[in-house]
Amino acid sequence: MTSAAFPRLFEPLGIAPPTWQSSPQGIDTGGWGLSLTTPDIARFGQLLLQRGMWQGKRLLRFESARLLGLSEVDAIDEFHHQV
């Protein structure tokens, strides 16, 4: 996960290669275990506020950024409206 996400997401945000919890086989967990500094989390939050744009470049699709910014309740409601 880290190797795929780093050049497309973390590097453009100025985030040093993060550590990600992995299985004994070396596979990133993906859903949890990501270690970032507070400034790194703030950059990611700013990316979401800017709807996936960072310094004039689109790092996330607009829809992905919108969904990531929803609360769990709103996300479940959104899913039910799409089904």
C-alpha atoms as a PDB file:
ATOM      1  CA  MET A   1       0.000   0.000   0.000  1.00  0.00           C
ATOM      2  CA  THR A   2       2.737   2.438   0.958  1.00  0.00           C
ATOM      3  CA  SER A   3       4.742   1.836  -2.221  1.00  0.00           C
ATOM      4  CA  ALA A   4       1.664   2.455  -4.390  1.00  0.00           C
ATOM      5  CA  ALA A   5       0.377   5.474  -2.463  1.00  0.00           C
ATOM      6  CA  PHE A   6       3.699   7.211  -1.829  1.00  0.00           C
ATOM      7  CA  PRO A   7       4.465   8.682  -5.272  1.00  0.00           C
ATOM      8  CA  ARG A   8       0.829   9.564  -6.019  1.00  0.00           C
ATOM      9  CA  LEU A   9      -0.350  10.869  -2.658  1.00  0.00           C
ATOM     10  CA  PHE A  10       2.178  11.175   0.152  1.00  0.00           C
ATOM     11  CA  GLU A  11       5.127  12.565  -1.817  1.00  0.00           C
ATOM     12  CA  PRO A  12       3.172  15.439  -3.456  1.00  0.00           C
ATOM     13  CA  LEU A  13       1.839  16.368   0.009  1.00  0.00           C
ATOM     14  CA  GLY A  14       5.411  16.560   1.318  1.00  0.00           C
ATOM     15  CA  ILE A  15       4.924  13.562   3.602  1.00  0.00           C
ATOM     16  CA  ALA A  16       8.024  11.442   4.246  1.00  0.00           C
ATOM     17  CA  PRO A  17       7.583   7.727   3.564  1.00  0.00           C
ATOM     18  CA  PRO A  18       5.125   6.679   6.279  1.00  0.00           C
ATOM     19  CA  THR A  19       5.186   3.453   8.218  1.00  0.00           C
ATOM     20  CA  TRP A  20       2.233   1.150   7.860  1.00  0.00           C
ATOM     21  CA  GLN A  21       1.500  -1.833  10.081  1.00  0.00           C
ATOM     22  CA  SER A  22       1.972  -5.059   8.146  1.00  0.00           C
ATOM     23  CA  SER A  23       1.263  -8.742   8.520  1.00  0.00           C
ATOM     24  CA  PRO A  24       4.005 -11.271   9.329  1.00  0.00           C
ATOM     25  CA  GLN A  25       4.160 -11.865   5.556  1.00  0.00           C
ATOM     26  CA  GLY A  26       4.973  -8.180   5.004  1.00  0.00           C
ATOM     27  CA  ILE A  27       1.586  -7.192   3.534  1.00  0.00           C
ATOM     28  CA  ASP A  28       0.336  -3.734   4.586  1.00  0.00           C
ATOM     29  CA  THR A  29      -2.887  -3.894   6.592  1.00  0.00           C
ATOM     30  CA  GLY A  30      -4.348  -1.023   4.553  1.00  0.00           C
ATOM     31  CA  GLY A  31      -7.349  -0.272   6.778  1.00  0.00           C
ATOM     32  CA  TRP A  32      -5.391   0.723   9.886  1.00  0.00           C
ATOM     33  CA  GLY A  33      -1.872   1.017  11.260  1.00  0.00           C
ATOM     34  CA  LEU A  34      -0.714   4.060   9.281  1.00  0.00           C
ATOM     35  CA  SER A  35       1.684   6.227  11.308  1.00  0.00           C
ATOM     36  CA  LEU A  36       1.783   9.928  10.376  1.00  0.00           C
ATOM     37  CA  THR A  37       2.871  13.066  12.200  1.00  0.00           C
ATOM     38  CA  THR A  38       0.328  15.717  13.191  1.00  0.00           C
ATOM     39  CA  PRO A  39       1.482  18.075  10.384  1.00  0.00           C
ATOM     40  CA  ASP A  40       1.125  15.190   7.896  1.00  0.00           C
ATOM     41  CA  ILE A  41      -2.445  14.548   9.045  1.00  0.00           C
ATOM     42  CA  ALA A  42      -3.147  18.279   8.702  1.00  0.00           C
ATOM     43  CA  ARG A  43      -1.889  18.211   5.094  1.00  0.00           C
ATOM     44  CA  PHE A  44      -4.161  15.276   4.324  1.00  0.00           C
ATOM     45  CA  GLY A  45      -7.090  17.105   5.936  1.00  0.00           C
ATOM     46  CA  GLN A  46      -6.339  20.192   3.856  1.00  0.00           C
ATOM     47  CA  LEU A  47      -6.319  18.003   0.737  1.00  0.00           C
ATOM     48  CA  LEU A  48      -9.842  16.839   1.624  1.00  0.00           C
ATOM     49  CA  LEU A  49     -10.991  20.425   2.282  1.00  0.00           C
ATOM     50  CA  GLN A  50      -9.645  21.348  -1.151  1.00  0.00           C
ATOM     51  CA  ARG A  51     -11.642  18.455  -2.648  1.00  0.00           C
ATOM     52  CA  GLY A  52      -8.599  16.486  -3.775  1.00  0.00           C
ATOM     53  CA  MET A  53      -6.566  19.388  -5.180  1.00  0.00           C
ATOM     54  CA  TRP A  54      -3.068  20.204  -3.892  1.00  0.00           C
ATOM     55  CA  GLN A  55      -1.034  23.113  -5.250  1.00  0.00           C
ATOM     56  CA  GLY A  56      -3.045  23.127  -8.483  1.00  0.00           C
ATOM     57  CA  LYS A  57      -2.754  19.380  -9.049  1.00  0.00           C
ATOM     58  CA  ARG A  58      -5.514  16.805  -8.557  1.00  0.00           C
ATOM     59  CA  LEU A  59      -4.290  14.067  -6.192  1.00  0.00           C
ATOM     60  CA  LEU A  60      -7.706  12.521  -5.467  1.00  0.00           C
ATOM     61  CA  ARG A  61     -10.821  12.323  -7.589  1.00  0.00           C
ATOM     62  CA  PHE A  62     -13.392  14.859  -6.395  1.00  0.00           C
ATOM     63  CA  GLU A  63     -15.855  12.095  -5.472  1.00  0.00           C
ATOM     64  CA  SER A  64     -13.211  10.210  -3.468  1.00  0.00           C
ATOM     65  CA  ALA A  65     -12.295  13.334  -1.523  1.00  0.00           C
ATOM     66  CA  ARG A  66     -15.975  14.073  -0.884  1.00  0.00           C
ATOM     67  CA  LEU A  67     -16.666  10.568   0.413  1.00  0.00           C
ATOM     68  CA  LEU A  68     -13.548  10.557   2.611  1.00  0.00           C
ATOM     69  CA  GLY A  69     -14.808  13.740   4.238  1.00  0.00           C
ATOM     70  CA  LEU A  70     -18.156  12.245   5.253  1.00  0.00           C
ATOM     71  CA  SER A  71     -18.870  11.000   8.737  1.00  0.00           C
ATOM     72  CA  GLU A  72     -19.562   7.284   9.080  1.00  0.00           C
ATOM     73  CA  VAL A  73     -23.304   7.954   9.422  1.00  0.00           C
ATOM     74  CA  ASP A  74     -23.337  10.190   6.332  1.00  0.00           C
ATOM     75  CA  ALA A  75     -21.312   7.619   4.369  1.00  0.00           C
ATOM     76  CA  ILE A  76     -23.777   4.836   5.238  1.00  0.00           C
ATOM     77  CA  ASP A  77     -26.681   7.088   4.240  1.00  0.00           C
ATOM     78  CA  GLU A  78     -24.915   7.948   0.970  1.00  0.00           C
ATOM     79  CA  PHE A  79     -24.396   4.239   0.249  1.00  0.00           C
ATOM     80  CA  HIS A  80     -28.100   3.501   0.825  1.00  0.00           C
ATOM     81  CA  HIS A  81     -29.090   6.272  -1.603  1.00  0.00           C
ATOM     82  CA  GLN A  82     -26.829   4.811  -4.297  1.00  0.00           C
ATOM     83  CA  VAL A  83     -28.177   1.252  -4.006  1.00  0.00           C
END
